[in-house]
Amino acid sequence: MCLEMSQAPDKTSNDVSQIRNSQELRTNLLNISNILNTGLSAETLDICIQLCEAGVHPQALANVIQQIRREVAQIQQSSQNGTNNTNE
């Protein structure tokens, strides 16, 4: 019973240490993302990290993000062209 009591604080401090390391890693990855001007928000970056941890290939994920951005840009451009045409 004494052994269990002595292990409990170690587990708690280990959990806190892991959380702190995880937060530092997240902050560092966000800083790298900003330096590289990826345009990813903290939330989007978190989702990308979770997908990679779940086994999604990073290059495939990057390709999908680029494709989505191209399609959104096309939709926005079409929308603006449609708005400009109706104002004429």
PDB file of N, CA and C in Angstrom:
ATOM      1  N   MET A   1       0.815  -1.183   0.000  1.00  0.00           N
ATOM      2  CA  MET A   1       0.000   0.000   0.000  1.00  0.00           C
ATOM      3  C   MET A   1       0.863   1.252   0.000  1.00  0.00           C
ATOM      4  N   CYS A   2       1.944   1.241   0.744  1.00  0.00           N
ATOM      5  CA  CYS A   2       2.855   2.380   0.749  1.00  0.00           C
ATOM      6  C   CYS A   2       3.493   2.564  -0.619  1.00  0.00           C
ATOM      7  N   LEU A   3       3.723   1.461  -1.295  1.00  0.00           N
ATOM      8  CA  LEU A   3       4.316   1.519  -2.619  1.00  0.00           C
ATOM      9  C   LEU A   3       3.376   2.244  -3.583  1.00  0.00           C
ATOM     10  N   GLU A   4       2.092   1.950  -3.502  1.00  0.00           N
ATOM     11  CA  GLU A   4       1.122   2.607  -4.366  1.00  0.00           C
ATOM     12  C   GLU A   4       1.076   4.106  -4.102  1.00  0.00           C
ATOM     13  N   MET A   5       1.152   4.486  -2.852  1.00  0.00           N
ATOM     14  CA  MET A   5       1.110   5.901  -2.499  1.00  0.00           C
ATOM     15  C   MET A   5       2.328   6.626  -3.058  1.00  0.00           C
ATOM     16  N   SER A   6       3.486   5.986  -3.017  1.00  0.00           N
ATOM     17  CA  SER A   6       4.689   6.647  -3.505  1.00  0.00           C
ATOM     18  C   SER A   6       4.690   6.758  -5.022  1.00  0.00           C
ATOM     19  N   GLN A   7       3.970   5.889  -5.711  1.00  0.00           N
ATOM     20  CA  GLN A   7       3.932   5.940  -7.170  1.00  0.00           C
ATOM     21  C   GLN A   7       2.938   6.976  -7.673  1.00  0.00           C
ATOM     22  N   ALA A   8       1.935   7.288  -6.889  1.00  0.00           N
ATOM     23  CA  ALA A   8       0.913   8.235  -7.330  1.00  0.00           C
ATOM     24  C   ALA A   8       1.491   9.608  -7.654  1.00  0.00           C
ATOM     25  N   PRO A   9       2.314  10.203  -6.801  1.00  0.00           N
ATOM     26  CA  PRO A   9       2.868  11.515  -7.144  1.00  0.00           C
ATOM     27  C   PRO A   9       3.745  11.471  -8.392  1.00  0.00           C
ATOM     28  N   ASP A  10       4.490  10.379  -8.585  1.00  0.00           N
ATOM     29  CA  ASP A  10       5.335  10.265  -9.777  1.00  0.00           C
ATOM     30  C   ASP A  10       4.488  10.287 -11.034  1.00  0.00           C
ATOM     31  N   LYS A  11       3.377   9.581 -10.994  1.00  0.00           N
ATOM     32  CA  LYS A  11       2.506   9.533 -12.161  1.00  0.00           C
ATOM     33  C   LYS A  11       1.919  10.915 -12.429  1.00  0.00           C
ATOM     34  N   THR A  12       1.485  11.598 -11.400  1.00  0.00           N
ATOM     35  CA  THR A  12       0.915  12.927 -11.564  1.00  0.00           C
ATOM     36  C   THR A  12       1.949  13.905 -12.095  1.00  0.00           C
ATOM     37  N   SER A  13       3.140  13.891 -11.521  1.00  0.00           N
ATOM     38  CA  SER A  13       4.179  14.809 -12.004  1.00  0.00           C
ATOM     39  C   SER A  13       4.599  14.457 -13.421  1.00  0.00           C
ATOM     40  N   ASN A  14       4.567  13.175 -13.750  1.00  0.00           N
ATOM     41  CA  ASN A  14       4.888  12.742 -15.105  1.00  0.00           C
ATOM     42  C   ASN A  14       3.819  13.237 -16.082  1.00  0.00           C
ATOM     43  N   ASP A  15       2.551  13.165 -15.682  1.00  0.00           N
ATOM     44  CA  ASP A  15       1.468  13.660 -16.526  1.00  0.00           C
ATOM     45  C   ASP A  15       1.595  15.157 -16.762  1.00  0.00           C
ATOM     46  N   VAL A  16       1.913  15.895 -15.700  1.00  0.00           N
ATOM     47  CA  VAL A  16       2.084  17.338 -15.816  1.00  0.00           C
ATOM     48  C   VAL A  16       3.252  17.646 -16.744  1.00  0.00           C
ATOM     49  N   SER A  17       4.321  16.895 -16.611  1.00  0.00           N
ATOM     50  CA  SER A  17       5.498  17.088 -17.459  1.00  0.00           C
ATOM     51  C   SER A  17       5.156  16.819 -18.927  1.00  0.00           C
ATOM     52  N   GLN A  18       4.383  15.770 -19.168  1.00  0.00           N
ATOM     53  CA  GLN A  18       3.987  15.449 -20.540  1.00  0.00           C
ATOM     54  C   GLN A  18       3.097  16.545 -21.120  1.00  0.00           C
ATOM     55  N   ILE A  19       2.198  17.070 -20.321  1.00  0.00           N
ATOM     56  CA  ILE A  19       1.319  18.149 -20.784  1.00  0.00           C
ATOM     57  C   ILE A  19       2.143  19.389 -21.103  1.00  0.00           C
ATOM     58  N   ARG A  20       3.080  19.718 -20.231  1.00  0.00           N
ATOM     59  CA  ARG A  20       3.935  20.881 -20.445  1.00  0.00           C
ATOM     60  C   ARG A  20       4.762  20.707 -21.724  1.00  0.00           C
ATOM     61  N   ASN A  21       5.324  19.508 -21.911  1.00  0.00           N
ATOM     62  CA  ASN A  21       6.108  19.235 -23.123  1.00  0.00           C
ATOM     63  C   ASN A  21       5.234  19.320 -24.364  1.00  0.00           C
ATOM     64  N   SER A  22       4.014  18.828 -24.257  1.00  0.00           N
ATOM     65  CA  SER A  22       3.082  18.872 -25.373  1.00  0.00           C
ATOM     66  C   SER A  22       2.733  20.313 -25.741  1.00  0.00           C
ATOM     67  N   GLN A  23       2.522  21.143 -24.727  1.00  0.00           N
ATOM     68  CA  GLN A  23       2.209  22.550 -24.973  1.00  0.00           C
ATOM     69  C   GLN A  23       3.399  23.275 -25.596  1.00  0.00           C
ATOM     70  N   GLU A  24       4.603  22.969 -25.128  1.00  0.00           N
ATOM     71  CA  GLU A  24       5.806  23.575 -25.697  1.00  0.00           C
ATOM     72  C   GLU A  24       5.984  23.142 -27.146  1.00  0.00           C
ATOM     73  N   LEU A  25       5.747  21.869 -27.416  1.00  0.00           N
ATOM     74  CA  LEU A  25       5.857  21.361 -28.781  1.00  0.00           C
ATOM     75  C   LEU A  25       4.843  22.044 -29.684  1.00  0.00           C
ATOM     76  N   ARG A  26       3.611  22.192 -29.213  1.00  0.00           N
ATOM     77  CA  ARG A  26       2.563  22.840 -29.991  1.00  0.00           C
ATOM     78  C   ARG A  26       2.953  24.290 -30.295  1.00  0.00           C
ATOM     79  N   THR A  27       3.467  24.992 -29.287  1.00  0.00           N
ATOM     80  CA  THR A  27       3.894  26.377 -29.477  1.00  0.00           C
ATOM     81  C   THR A  27       5.028  26.459 -30.495  1.00  0.00           C
ATOM     82  N   ASN A  28       5.992  25.555 -30.384  1.00  0.00           N
ATOM     83  CA  ASN A  28       7.113  25.548 -31.328  1.00  0.00           C
ATOM     84  C   ASN A  28       6.655  25.242 -32.749  1.00  0.00           C
ATOM     85  N   LEU A  29       5.745  24.287 -32.899  1.00  0.00           N
ATOM     86  CA  LEU A  29       5.234  23.965 -34.236  1.00  0.00           C
ATOM     87  C   LEU A  29       4.453  25.134 -34.828  1.00  0.00           C
ATOM     88  N   LEU A  30       3.691  25.827 -33.986  1.00  0.00           N
ATOM     89  CA  LEU A  30       2.963  26.997 -34.466  1.00  0.00           C
ATOM     90  C   LEU A  30       3.933  28.097 -34.878  1.00  0.00           C
ATOM     91  N   ASN A  31       4.998  28.290 -34.125  1.00  0.00           N
ATOM     92  CA  ASN A  31       6.006  29.287 -34.499  1.00  0.00           C
ATOM     93  C   ASN A  31       6.666  28.939 -35.829  1.00  0.00           C
ATOM     94  N   ILE A  32       6.999  27.675 -36.011  1.00  0.00           N
ATOM     95  CA  ILE A  32       7.594  27.239 -37.290  1.00  0.00           C
ATOM     96  C   ILE A  32       6.605  27.458 -38.427  1.00  0.00           C
ATOM     97  N   SER A  33       5.350  27.122 -38.184  1.00  0.00           N
ATOM     98  CA  SER A  33       4.312  27.315 -39.191  1.00  0.00           C
ATOM     99  C   SER A  33       4.201  28.787 -39.585  1.00  0.00           C
ATOM    100  N   ASN A  34       4.271  29.671 -38.587  1.00  0.00           N
ATOM    101  CA  ASN A  34       4.188  31.109 -38.863  1.00  0.00           C
ATOM    102  C   ASN A  34       5.417  31.604 -39.607  1.00  0.00           C
ATOM    103  N   ILE A  35       6.596  31.112 -39.233  1.00  0.00           N
ATOM    104  CA  ILE A  35       7.828  31.509 -39.921  1.00  0.00           C
ATOM    105  C   ILE A  35       7.773  31.089 -41.391  1.00  0.00           C
ATOM    106  N   LEU A  36       7.231  29.904 -41.628  1.00  0.00           N
ATOM    107  CA  LEU A  36       7.122  29.402 -42.998  1.00  0.00           C
ATOM    108  C   LEU A  36       5.935  29.998 -43.750  1.00  0.00           C
ATOM    109  N   ASN A  37       5.171  30.837 -43.045  1.00  0.00           N
ATOM    110  CA  ASN A  37       4.021  31.521 -43.650  1.00  0.00           C
ATOM    111  C   ASN A  37       3.031  30.528 -44.275  1.00  0.00           C
ATOM    112  N   THR A  38       2.684  29.489 -43.521  1.00  0.00           N
ATOM    113  CA  THR A  38       1.766  28.474 -44.029  1.00  0.00           C
ATOM    114  C   THR A  38       0.323  28.953 -44.073  1.00  0.00           C
ATOM    115  N   GLY A  39       0.005  29.940 -43.255  1.00  0.00           N
ATOM    116  CA  GLY A  39      -1.365  30.425 -43.209  1.00  0.00           C
ATOM    117  C   GLY A  39      -2.283  29.541 -42.379  1.00  0.00           C
ATOM    118  N   LEU A  40      -1.712  28.569 -41.672  1.00  0.00           N
ATOM    119  CA  LEU A  40      -2.518  27.686 -40.844  1.00  0.00           C
ATOM    120  C   LEU A  40      -2.762  28.326 -39.480  1.00  0.00           C
ATOM    121  N   SER A  41      -4.007  28.297 -39.041  1.00  0.00           N
ATOM    122  CA  SER A  41      -4.315  28.775 -37.699  1.00  0.00           C
ATOM    123  C   SER A  41      -3.855  27.727 -36.692  1.00  0.00           C
ATOM    124  N   ALA A  42      -3.846  28.102 -35.428  1.00  0.00           N
ATOM    125  CA  ALA A  42      -3.460  27.155 -34.375  1.00  0.00           C
ATOM    126  C   ALA A  42      -4.395  25.952 -34.376  1.00  0.00           C
ATOM    127  N   GLU A  43      -5.681  26.202 -34.564  1.00  0.00           N
ATOM    128  CA  GLU A  43      -6.659  25.107 -34.580  1.00  0.00           C
ATOM    129  C   GLU A  43      -6.429  24.179 -35.770  1.00  0.00           C
ATOM    130  N   THR A  44      -6.199  24.759 -36.935  1.00  0.00           N
ATOM    131  CA  THR A  44      -5.958  23.954 -38.137  1.00  0.00           C
ATOM    132  C   THR A  44      -4.681  23.142 -37.995  1.00  0.00           C
ATOM    133  N   LEU A  45      -3.648  23.765 -37.437  1.00  0.00           N
ATOM    134  CA  LEU A  45      -2.390  23.054 -37.221  1.00  0.00           C
ATOM    135  C   LEU A  45      -2.594  21.889 -36.255  1.00  0.00           C
ATOM    136  N   ASP A  46      -3.370  22.104 -35.190  1.00  0.00           N
ATOM    137  CA  ASP A  46      -3.676  21.020 -34.248  1.00  0.00           C
ATOM    138  C   ASP A  46      -4.369  19.856 -34.952  1.00  0.00           C
ATOM    139  N   ILE A  47      -5.302  20.182 -35.830  1.00  0.00           N
ATOM    140  CA  ILE A  47      -6.020  19.134 -36.574  1.00  0.00           C
ATOM    141  C   ILE A  47      -5.057  18.375 -37.481  1.00  0.00           C
ATOM    142  N   CYS A  48      -4.168  19.101 -38.148  1.00  0.00           N
ATOM    143  CA  CYS A  48      -3.180  18.454 -39.022  1.00  0.00           C
ATOM    144  C   CYS A  48      -2.267  17.525 -38.220  1.00  0.00           C
ATOM    145  N   ILE A  49      -1.851  17.970 -37.044  1.00  0.00           N
ATOM    146  CA  ILE A  49      -0.996  17.141 -36.193  1.00  0.00           C
ATOM    147  C   ILE A  49      -1.737  15.879 -35.777  1.00  0.00           C
ATOM    148  N   GLN A  50      -2.998  16.039 -35.386  1.00  0.00           N
ATOM    149  CA  GLN A  50      -3.797  14.875 -34.986  1.00  0.00           C
ATOM    150  C   GLN A  50      -3.967  13.900 -36.141  1.00  0.00           C
ATOM    151  N   LEU A  51      -4.175  14.422 -37.346  1.00  0.00           N
ATOM    152  CA  LEU A  51      -4.303  13.546 -38.509  1.00  0.00           C
ATOM    153  C   LEU A  51      -3.011  12.791 -38.783  1.00  0.00           C
ATOM    154  N   CYS A  52      -1.881  13.476 -38.664  1.00  0.00           N
ATOM    155  CA  CYS A  52      -0.590  12.814 -38.867  1.00  0.00           C
ATOM    156  C   CYS A  52      -0.353  11.754 -37.797  1.00  0.00           C
ATOM    157  N   GLU A  53      -0.709  12.066 -36.557  1.00  0.00           N
ATOM    158  CA  GLU A  53      -0.565  11.087 -35.480  1.00  0.00           C
ATOM    159  C   GLU A  53      -1.469   9.881 -35.699  1.00  0.00           C
ATOM    160  N   ALA A  54      -2.585  10.092 -36.396  1.00  0.00           N
ATOM    161  CA  ALA A  54      -3.517   8.999 -36.684  1.00  0.00           C
ATOM    162  C   ALA A  54      -3.091   8.181 -37.898  1.00  0.00           C
ATOM    163  N   GLY A  55      -1.993   8.616 -38.566  1.00  0.00           N
ATOM    164  CA  GLY A  55      -1.464   7.817 -39.660  1.00  0.00           C
ATOM    165  C   GLY A  55      -1.602   8.421 -41.047  1.00  0.00           C
ATOM    166  N   VAL A  56      -2.176   9.627 -41.135  1.00  0.00           N
ATOM    167  CA  VAL A  56      -2.293  10.271 -42.444  1.00  0.00           C
ATOM    168  C   VAL A  56      -0.897  10.691 -42.895  1.00  0.00           C
ATOM    169  N   HIS A  57      -0.587  10.422 -44.146  1.00  0.00           N
ATOM    170  CA  HIS A  57       0.727  10.774 -44.691  1.00  0.00           C
ATOM    171  C   HIS A  57       0.823  12.299 -44.793  1.00  0.00           C
ATOM    172  N   PRO A  58       1.870  12.897 -44.241  1.00  0.00           N
ATOM    173  CA  PRO A  58       1.988  14.362 -44.222  1.00  0.00           C
ATOM    174  C   PRO A  58       1.944  15.006 -45.611  1.00  0.00           C
ATOM    175  N   GLN A  59       2.598  14.405 -46.595  1.00  0.00           N
ATOM    176  CA  GLN A  59       2.594  14.995 -47.939  1.00  0.00           C
ATOM    177  C   GLN A  59       1.202  14.933 -48.549  1.00  0.00           C
ATOM    178  N   ALA A  60       0.481  13.846 -48.313  1.00  0.00           N
ATOM    179  CA  ALA A  60      -0.890  13.737 -48.810  1.00  0.00           C
ATOM    180  C   ALA A  60      -1.770  14.811 -48.164  1.00  0.00           C
ATOM    181  N   LEU A  61      -1.574  15.028 -46.884  1.00  0.00           N
ATOM    182  CA  LEU A  61      -2.330  16.062 -46.168  1.00  0.00           C
ATOM    183  C   LEU A  61      -2.004  17.443 -46.741  1.00  0.00           C
ATOM    184  N   ALA A  62      -0.747  17.711 -46.977  1.00  0.00           N
ATOM    185  CA  ALA A  62      -0.343  18.993 -47.568  1.00  0.00           C
ATOM    186  C   ALA A  62      -0.966  19.182 -48.949  1.00  0.00           C
ATOM    187  N   ASN A  63      -0.995  18.117 -49.748  1.00  0.00           N
ATOM    188  CA  ASN A  63      -1.605  18.200 -51.081  1.00  0.00           C
ATOM    189  C   ASN A  63      -3.091  18.519 -50.997  1.00  0.00           C
ATOM    190  N   VAL A  64      -3.776  17.906 -50.041  1.00  0.00           N
ATOM    191  CA  VAL A  64      -5.211  18.155 -49.872  1.00  0.00           C
ATOM    192  C   VAL A  64      -5.451  19.604 -49.451  1.00  0.00           C
ATOM    193  N   ILE A  65      -4.646  20.101 -48.535  1.00  0.00           N
ATOM    194  CA  ILE A  65      -4.794  21.493 -48.080  1.00  0.00           C
ATOM    195  C   ILE A  65      -4.567  22.462 -49.238  1.00  0.00           C
ATOM    196  N   GLN A  66      -3.548  22.198 -50.052  1.00  0.00           N
ATOM    197  CA  GLN A  66      -3.280  23.058 -51.209  1.00  0.00           C
ATOM    198  C   GLN A  66      -4.436  23.023 -52.203  1.00  0.00           C
ATOM    199  N   GLN A  67      -4.994  21.843 -52.431  1.00  0.00           N
ATOM    200  CA  GLN A  67      -6.119  21.703 -53.361  1.00  0.00           C
ATOM    201  C   GLN A  67      -7.350  22.449 -52.842  1.00  0.00           C
ATOM    202  N   ILE A  68      -7.604  22.320 -51.553  1.00  0.00           N
ATOM    203  CA  ILE A  68      -8.748  23.027 -50.964  1.00  0.00           C
ATOM    204  C   ILE A  68      -8.562  24.530 -51.108  1.00  0.00           C
ATOM    205  N   ARG A  69      -7.359  25.009 -50.858  1.00  0.00           N
ATOM    206  CA  ARG A  69      -7.092  26.449 -50.988  1.00  0.00           C
ATOM    207  C   ARG A  69      -7.303  26.924 -52.423  1.00  0.00           C
ATOM    208  N   ARG A  70      -6.863  26.125 -53.407  1.00  0.00           N
ATOM    209  CA  ARG A  70      -7.071  26.497 -54.816  1.00  0.00           C
ATOM    210  C   ARG A  70      -8.560  26.569 -55.142  1.00  0.00           C
ATOM    211  N   GLU A  71      -9.307  25.589 -54.667  1.00  0.00           N
ATOM    212  CA  GLU A  71     -10.742  25.561 -54.951  1.00  0.00           C
ATOM    213  C   GLU A  71     -11.470  26.715 -54.266  1.00  0.00           C
ATOM    214  N   VAL A  72     -11.093  27.024 -53.048  1.00  0.00           N
ATOM    215  CA  VAL A  72     -11.701  28.157 -52.347  1.00  0.00           C
ATOM    216  C   VAL A  72     -11.395  29.451 -53.090  1.00  0.00           C
ATOM    217  N   ALA A  73     -10.163  29.612 -53.561  1.00  0.00           N
ATOM    218  CA  ALA A  73      -9.782  30.813 -54.312  1.00  0.00           C
ATOM    219  C   ALA A  73     -10.605  30.922 -55.597  1.00  0.00           C
ATOM    220  N   GLN A  74     -10.818  29.799 -56.280  1.00  0.00           N
ATOM    221  CA  GLN A  74     -11.623  29.816 -57.499  1.00  0.00           C
ATOM    222  C   GLN A  74     -13.062  30.204 -57.201  1.00  0.00           C
ATOM    223  N   ILE A  75     -13.607  29.658 -56.131  1.00  0.00           N
ATOM    224  CA  ILE A  75     -14.984  29.979 -55.749  1.00  0.00           C
ATOM    225  C   ILE A  75     -15.102  31.459 -55.406  1.00  0.00           C
ATOM    226  N   GLN A  76     -14.133  31.973 -54.649  1.00  0.00           N
ATOM    227  CA  GLN A  76     -14.152  33.389 -54.285  1.00  0.00           C
ATOM    228  C   GLN A  76     -14.028  34.273 -55.514  1.00  0.00           C
ATOM    229  N   GLN A  77     -13.176  33.865 -56.439  1.00  0.00           N
ATOM    230  CA  GLN A  77     -13.004  34.645 -57.657  1.00  0.00           C
ATOM    231  C   GLN A  77     -14.289  34.621 -58.488  1.00  0.00           C
ATOM    232  N   SER A  78     -14.901  33.465 -58.604  1.00  0.00           N
ATOM    233  CA  SER A  78     -16.153  33.360 -59.349  1.00  0.00           C
ATOM    234  C   SER A  78     -17.248  34.193 -58.686  1.00  0.00           C
ATOM    235  N   SER A  79     -17.258  34.159 -57.379  1.00  0.00           N
ATOM    236  CA  SER A  79     -18.242  34.931 -56.622  1.00  0.00           C
ATOM    237  C   SER A  79     -18.052  36.421 -56.850  1.00  0.00           C
ATOM    238  N   GLN A  80     -16.798  36.877 -56.835  1.00  0.00           N
ATOM    239  CA  GLN A  80     -16.513  38.294 -57.058  1.00  0.00           C
ATOM    240  C   GLN A  80     -16.843  38.700 -58.485  1.00  0.00           C
ATOM    241  N   ASN A  81     -16.561  37.831 -59.445  1.00  0.00           N
ATOM    242  CA  ASN A  81     -16.882  38.115 -60.839  1.00  0.00           C
ATOM    243  C   ASN A  81     -18.378  38.191 -61.023  1.00  0.00           C
ATOM    244  N   GLY A  82     -19.094  37.310 -60.361  1.00  0.00           N
ATOM    245  CA  GLY A  82     -20.560  37.335 -60.435  1.00  0.00           C
ATOM    246  C   GLY A  82     -21.118  38.594 -59.814  1.00  0.00           C
ATOM    247  N   THR A  83     -20.540  39.060 -58.728  1.00  0.00           N
ATOM    248  CA  THR A  83     -20.964  40.274 -58.059  1.00  0.00           C
ATOM    249  C   THR A  83     -20.655  41.476 -58.933  1.00  0.00           C
ATOM    250  N   ASN A  84     -19.484  41.467 -59.566  1.00  0.00           N
ATOM    251  CA  ASN A  84     -19.100  42.576 -60.435  1.00  0.00           C
ATOM    252  C   ASN A  84     -20.007  42.648 -61.658  1.00  0.00           C
ATOM    253  N   ASN A  85     -20.414  41.512 -62.202  1.00  0.00           N
ATOM    254  CA  ASN A  85     -21.274  41.484 -63.377  1.00  0.00           C
ATOM    255  C   ASN A  85     -22.668  41.991 -63.059  1.00  0.00           C
ATOM    256  N   THR A  86     -23.169  41.718 -61.867  1.00  0.00           N
ATOM    257  CA  THR A  86     -24.522  42.160 -61.528  1.00  0.00           C
ATOM    258  C   THR A  86     -24.553  43.633 -61.197  1.00  0.00           C
ATOM    259  N   ASN A  87     -23.411  44.209 -60.840  1.00  0.00           N
ATOM    260  CA  ASN A  87     -23.359  45.638 -60.528  1.00  0.00           C
ATOM    261  C   ASN A  87     -23.240  46.489 -61.784  1.00  0.00           C
ATOM    262  N   GLU A  88     -22.915  45.882 -62.909  1.00  0.00           N
ATOM    263  CA  GLU A  88     -22.722  46.652 -64.143  1.00  0.00           C
ATOM    264  C   GLU A  88     -24.014  46.930 -64.829  1.00  0.00           C
TER     265      GLU A  88
END
